[in-house]
Amino acid sequence: MAKFDIGHILNLCWRVEASVKDSRIAEFVEFVKAEQNSYGLWEYLNHPQATRWLTFDLLHSLSKLETQEDWISLEPSTPFRSYPKKIKRF
């Protein structure tokens, strides 16, 4: 996974009314749920006191995402194509 905070991305997703039906968001949700421990918490080992707030924020974002249905990103993704190589004159 990349080095960015998926919790913030999930928060942004529900604020823009994104849907879990979008495959990219579904992957984020699946990853976040896989990181949940057996007690239902998401642990932050560097700062254990933040575990409760992290769990609250993630549960809040996940519950808001599940209620969203209408989202423009359900259109197929446009395949990436880089610019063609520039032909050198000399």
N, C-alpha and C. Protein backbone atom coordinates (compact mmCIF):
# COMPACT_ATOMS: atom_id res chain seq x y z
N MET A 1 0.84 -1.18 0.00
CA MET A 1 0.00 0.00 0.00
C MET A 1 0.89 1.25 0.00
N ALA A 2 0.40 2.28 -0.53
CA ALA A 2 1.14 3.53 -0.59
C ALA A 2 1.22 4.18 0.79
N LYS A 3 2.09 5.16 0.92
CA LYS A 3 2.30 5.81 2.21
C LYS A 3 1.39 7.02 2.36
N PHE A 4 0.09 6.80 2.37
CA PHE A 4 -0.84 7.88 2.66
C PHE A 4 -1.92 7.33 3.57
N ASP A 5 -2.63 8.19 4.19
CA ASP A 5 -3.60 7.80 5.20
C ASP A 5 -4.93 7.45 4.55
N ILE A 6 -5.24 6.17 4.52
CA ILE A 6 -6.49 5.71 3.91
C ILE A 6 -7.69 6.18 4.72
N GLY A 7 -7.51 6.38 6.01
CA GLY A 7 -8.60 6.90 6.83
C GLY A 7 -9.07 8.27 6.35
N HIS A 8 -8.12 9.13 6.01
CA HIS A 8 -8.48 10.46 5.49
C HIS A 8 -9.14 10.36 4.13
N ILE A 9 -8.69 9.43 3.33
CA ILE A 9 -9.29 9.25 2.00
C ILE A 9 -10.72 8.75 2.13
N LEU A 10 -10.98 7.83 3.06
CA LEU A 10 -12.35 7.36 3.28
C LEU A 10 -13.23 8.49 3.79
N ASN A 11 -12.68 9.33 4.64
CA ASN A 11 -13.43 10.49 5.13
C ASN A 11 -13.79 11.41 3.97
N LEU A 12 -12.83 11.68 3.11
CA LEU A 12 -13.09 12.51 1.93
C LEU A 12 -14.13 11.85 1.02
N CYS A 13 -14.04 10.55 0.86
CA CYS A 13 -14.98 9.84 -0.03
C CYS A 13 -16.42 10.00 0.43
N TRP A 14 -16.69 9.88 1.72
CA TRP A 14 -18.09 10.01 2.13
C TRP A 14 -18.53 11.47 2.10
N ARG A 15 -17.59 12.40 2.25
CA ARG A 15 -17.96 13.81 2.18
C ARG A 15 -18.34 14.24 0.77
N VAL A 16 -17.74 13.61 -0.24
CA VAL A 16 -18.11 13.92 -1.62
C VAL A 16 -19.18 12.95 -2.13
N GLU A 17 -19.74 12.19 -1.21
CA GLU A 17 -20.84 11.25 -1.47
C GLU A 17 -20.45 10.15 -2.45
N ALA A 18 -19.24 9.62 -2.26
CA ALA A 18 -18.80 8.50 -3.08
C ALA A 18 -19.47 7.22 -2.61
N SER A 19 -19.49 6.23 -3.48
CA SER A 19 -20.17 4.98 -3.19
C SER A 19 -19.17 3.84 -3.04
N VAL A 20 -19.53 2.86 -2.23
CA VAL A 20 -18.70 1.68 -2.06
C VAL A 20 -18.77 0.81 -3.32
N LYS A 21 -19.72 1.08 -4.18
CA LYS A 21 -19.83 0.32 -5.43
C LYS A 21 -18.66 0.61 -6.37
N ASP A 22 -17.99 1.72 -6.18
CA ASP A 22 -16.79 2.03 -6.96
C ASP A 22 -15.69 1.06 -6.52
N SER A 23 -15.07 0.39 -7.47
CA SER A 23 -14.09 -0.65 -7.14
C SER A 23 -12.89 -0.10 -6.37
N ARG A 24 -12.48 1.13 -6.66
CA ARG A 24 -11.33 1.70 -5.97
C ARG A 24 -11.64 1.95 -4.50
N ILE A 25 -12.83 2.45 -4.23
CA ILE A 25 -13.22 2.71 -2.84
C ILE A 25 -13.47 1.39 -2.12
N ALA A 26 -14.03 0.42 -2.83
CA ALA A 26 -14.26 -0.90 -2.24
C ALA A 26 -12.94 -1.55 -1.81
N GLU A 27 -11.88 -1.33 -2.57
CA GLU A 27 -10.56 -1.85 -2.18
C GLU A 27 -10.07 -1.19 -0.90
N PHE A 28 -10.26 0.11 -0.77
CA PHE A 28 -9.88 0.81 0.46
C PHE A 28 -10.65 0.25 1.65
N VAL A 29 -11.95 0.08 1.49
CA VAL A 29 -12.79 -0.42 2.58
C VAL A 29 -12.37 -1.83 2.97
N GLU A 30 -12.10 -2.67 1.98
CA GLU A 30 -11.67 -4.04 2.25
C GLU A 30 -10.35 -4.05 3.01
N PHE A 31 -9.41 -3.20 2.61
CA PHE A 31 -8.12 -3.13 3.29
C PHE A 31 -8.28 -2.66 4.73
N VAL A 32 -9.08 -1.63 4.93
CA VAL A 32 -9.28 -1.09 6.28
C VAL A 32 -9.94 -2.13 7.19
N LYS A 33 -10.94 -2.83 6.67
CA LYS A 33 -11.61 -3.86 7.48
C LYS A 33 -10.67 -5.03 7.79
N ALA A 34 -9.73 -5.31 6.90
CA ALA A 34 -8.77 -6.39 7.15
C ALA A 34 -7.79 -6.03 8.27
N GLU A 35 -7.56 -4.74 8.48
CA GLU A 35 -6.64 -4.28 9.52
C GLU A 35 -7.28 -4.23 10.91
N GLN A 36 -8.57 -4.43 10.99
CA GLN A 36 -9.28 -4.38 12.28
C GLN A 36 -8.90 -5.62 13.09
N ASN A 37 -8.60 -5.44 14.38
CA ASN A 37 -8.21 -6.58 15.19
C ASN A 37 -9.42 -7.33 15.74
N SER A 38 -9.18 -8.37 16.51
CA SER A 38 -10.27 -9.23 16.99
C SER A 38 -11.20 -8.52 17.98
N TYR A 39 -10.75 -7.42 18.58
CA TYR A 39 -11.59 -6.66 19.50
C TYR A 39 -12.38 -5.56 18.80
N GLY A 40 -12.23 -5.46 17.49
CA GLY A 40 -12.96 -4.45 16.73
C GLY A 40 -12.26 -3.10 16.69
N LEU A 41 -11.00 -3.05 17.08
CA LEU A 41 -10.25 -1.79 17.11
C LEU A 41 -9.20 -1.78 16.01
N TRP A 42 -8.84 -0.58 15.60
CA TRP A 42 -7.70 -0.40 14.71
C TRP A 42 -6.59 0.17 15.58
N GLU A 43 -5.52 -0.57 15.73
CA GLU A 43 -4.44 -0.16 16.62
C GLU A 43 -3.44 0.73 15.90
N TYR A 44 -2.96 1.71 16.65
CA TYR A 44 -1.88 2.57 16.17
C TYR A 44 -0.74 2.40 17.16
N LEU A 45 0.22 1.55 16.78
CA LEU A 45 1.26 1.14 17.72
C LEU A 45 2.18 2.27 18.16
N ASN A 46 2.39 3.27 17.32
CA ASN A 46 3.26 4.38 17.70
C ASN A 46 2.65 5.22 18.82
N HIS A 47 1.33 5.36 18.82
CA HIS A 47 0.62 6.12 19.85
C HIS A 47 -0.63 5.34 20.26
N PRO A 48 -0.49 4.41 21.21
CA PRO A 48 -1.63 3.56 21.59
C PRO A 48 -2.84 4.35 22.11
N GLN A 49 -2.61 5.54 22.65
CA GLN A 49 -3.73 6.33 23.16
C GLN A 49 -4.63 6.83 22.03
N ALA A 50 -4.15 6.81 20.81
CA ALA A 50 -4.95 7.27 19.66
C ALA A 50 -5.82 6.16 19.07
N THR A 51 -5.71 4.95 19.58
CA THR A 51 -6.45 3.81 19.02
C THR A 51 -7.95 4.04 19.06
N ARG A 52 -8.46 4.57 20.17
CA ARG A 52 -9.92 4.78 20.27
C ARG A 52 -10.41 5.83 19.28
N TRP A 53 -9.65 6.91 19.12
CA TRP A 53 -10.07 7.95 18.17
C TRP A 53 -9.97 7.46 16.73
N LEU A 54 -8.94 6.70 16.45
CA LEU A 54 -8.79 6.12 15.12
C LEU A 54 -9.95 5.18 14.81
N THR A 55 -10.31 4.35 15.78
CA THR A 55 -11.44 3.44 15.59
C THR A 55 -12.73 4.21 15.39
N PHE A 56 -12.95 5.25 16.19
CA PHE A 56 -14.16 6.06 16.04
C PHE A 56 -14.23 6.69 14.66
N ASP A 57 -13.13 7.28 14.21
CA ASP A 57 -13.11 7.95 12.91
C ASP A 57 -13.34 6.97 11.77
N LEU A 58 -12.70 5.81 11.82
CA LEU A 58 -12.87 4.82 10.75
C LEU A 58 -14.29 4.25 10.74
N LEU A 59 -14.84 3.95 11.91
CA LEU A 59 -16.22 3.45 11.95
C LEU A 59 -17.21 4.49 11.44
N HIS A 60 -16.97 5.75 11.78
CA HIS A 60 -17.84 6.83 11.31
C HIS A 60 -17.77 6.94 9.78
N SER A 61 -16.57 6.92 9.23
CA SER A 61 -16.41 7.01 7.78
C SER A 61 -17.03 5.81 7.07
N LEU A 62 -16.82 4.62 7.61
CA LEU A 62 -17.38 3.41 6.99
C LEU A 62 -18.90 3.41 7.03
N SER A 63 -19.47 3.88 8.14
CA SER A 63 -20.94 3.90 8.22
C SER A 63 -21.53 4.92 7.27
N LYS A 64 -20.86 6.05 7.09
CA LYS A 64 -21.34 7.06 6.15
C LYS A 64 -21.20 6.58 4.70
N LEU A 65 -20.13 5.85 4.41
CA LEU A 65 -19.92 5.35 3.05
C LEU A 65 -21.00 4.35 2.65
N GLU A 66 -21.44 3.54 3.59
CA GLU A 66 -22.43 2.51 3.28
C GLU A 66 -23.79 3.09 2.96
N THR A 67 -24.05 4.33 3.36
CA THR A 67 -25.36 4.93 3.08
C THR A 67 -25.37 5.71 1.77
N GLN A 68 -24.21 5.94 1.17
CA GLN A 68 -24.13 6.70 -0.08
C GLN A 68 -24.42 5.78 -1.26
N GLU A 69 -25.17 6.27 -2.23
CA GLU A 69 -25.50 5.46 -3.40
C GLU A 69 -25.20 6.13 -4.73
N ASP A 70 -25.40 7.43 -4.85
CA ASP A 70 -25.27 8.10 -6.13
C ASP A 70 -23.87 8.67 -6.28
N TRP A 71 -23.15 8.21 -7.29
CA TRP A 71 -21.77 8.66 -7.43
C TRP A 71 -21.36 8.59 -8.89
N ILE A 72 -20.74 9.64 -9.35
CA ILE A 72 -20.36 9.74 -10.76
C ILE A 72 -19.19 8.83 -11.12
N SER A 73 -18.42 8.40 -10.15
CA SER A 73 -17.24 7.59 -10.46
C SER A 73 -17.58 6.17 -10.85
N LEU A 74 -18.85 5.84 -10.92
CA LEU A 74 -19.22 4.51 -11.37
C LEU A 74 -19.00 4.35 -12.87
N GLU A 75 -18.64 5.44 -13.53
CA GLU A 75 -18.27 5.35 -14.93
C GLU A 75 -16.95 4.59 -15.03
N PRO A 76 -16.73 3.88 -16.14
CA PRO A 76 -15.47 3.13 -16.26
C PRO A 76 -14.26 4.05 -16.21
N SER A 77 -13.20 3.55 -15.65
CA SER A 77 -11.96 4.32 -15.56
C SER A 77 -11.34 4.49 -16.94
N THR A 78 -10.79 5.66 -17.16
CA THR A 78 -10.11 5.92 -18.42
C THR A 78 -8.70 5.34 -18.33
N PRO A 79 -8.31 4.52 -19.29
CA PRO A 79 -6.96 3.94 -19.22
C PRO A 79 -5.90 5.02 -19.38
N PHE A 80 -4.83 4.88 -18.64
CA PHE A 80 -3.74 5.86 -18.68
C PHE A 80 -2.90 5.63 -19.92
N ARG A 81 -2.56 6.70 -20.58
CA ARG A 81 -1.66 6.64 -21.74
C ARG A 81 -0.73 7.83 -21.66
N SER A 82 0.55 7.57 -21.63
CA SER A 82 1.51 8.68 -21.52
C SER A 82 1.65 9.38 -22.86
N TYR A 83 2.22 10.58 -22.79
CA TYR A 83 2.47 11.33 -24.01
C TYR A 83 3.49 10.58 -24.87
N PRO A 84 3.37 10.67 -26.19
CA PRO A 84 4.37 10.00 -27.04
C PRO A 84 5.74 10.66 -26.88
N LYS A 85 6.75 9.89 -27.15
CA LYS A 85 8.12 10.41 -27.06
C LYS A 85 8.32 11.51 -28.10
N LYS A 86 9.00 12.55 -27.68
CA LYS A 86 9.27 13.67 -28.58
C LYS A 86 10.40 13.30 -29.53
N ILE A 87 10.16 13.51 -30.80
CA ILE A 87 11.17 13.18 -31.80
C ILE A 87 12.21 14.30 -31.83
N LYS A 88 13.46 13.94 -31.68
CA LYS A 88 14.55 14.92 -31.68
C LYS A 88 14.88 15.31 -33.11
N ARG A 89 15.10 16.57 -33.31
CA ARG A 89 15.43 17.07 -34.65
C ARG A 89 16.89 16.83 -35.00
N PHE A 90 17.78 16.86 -34.02
CA PHE A 90 19.20 16.72 -34.31
C PHE A 90 19.79 15.60 -33.51
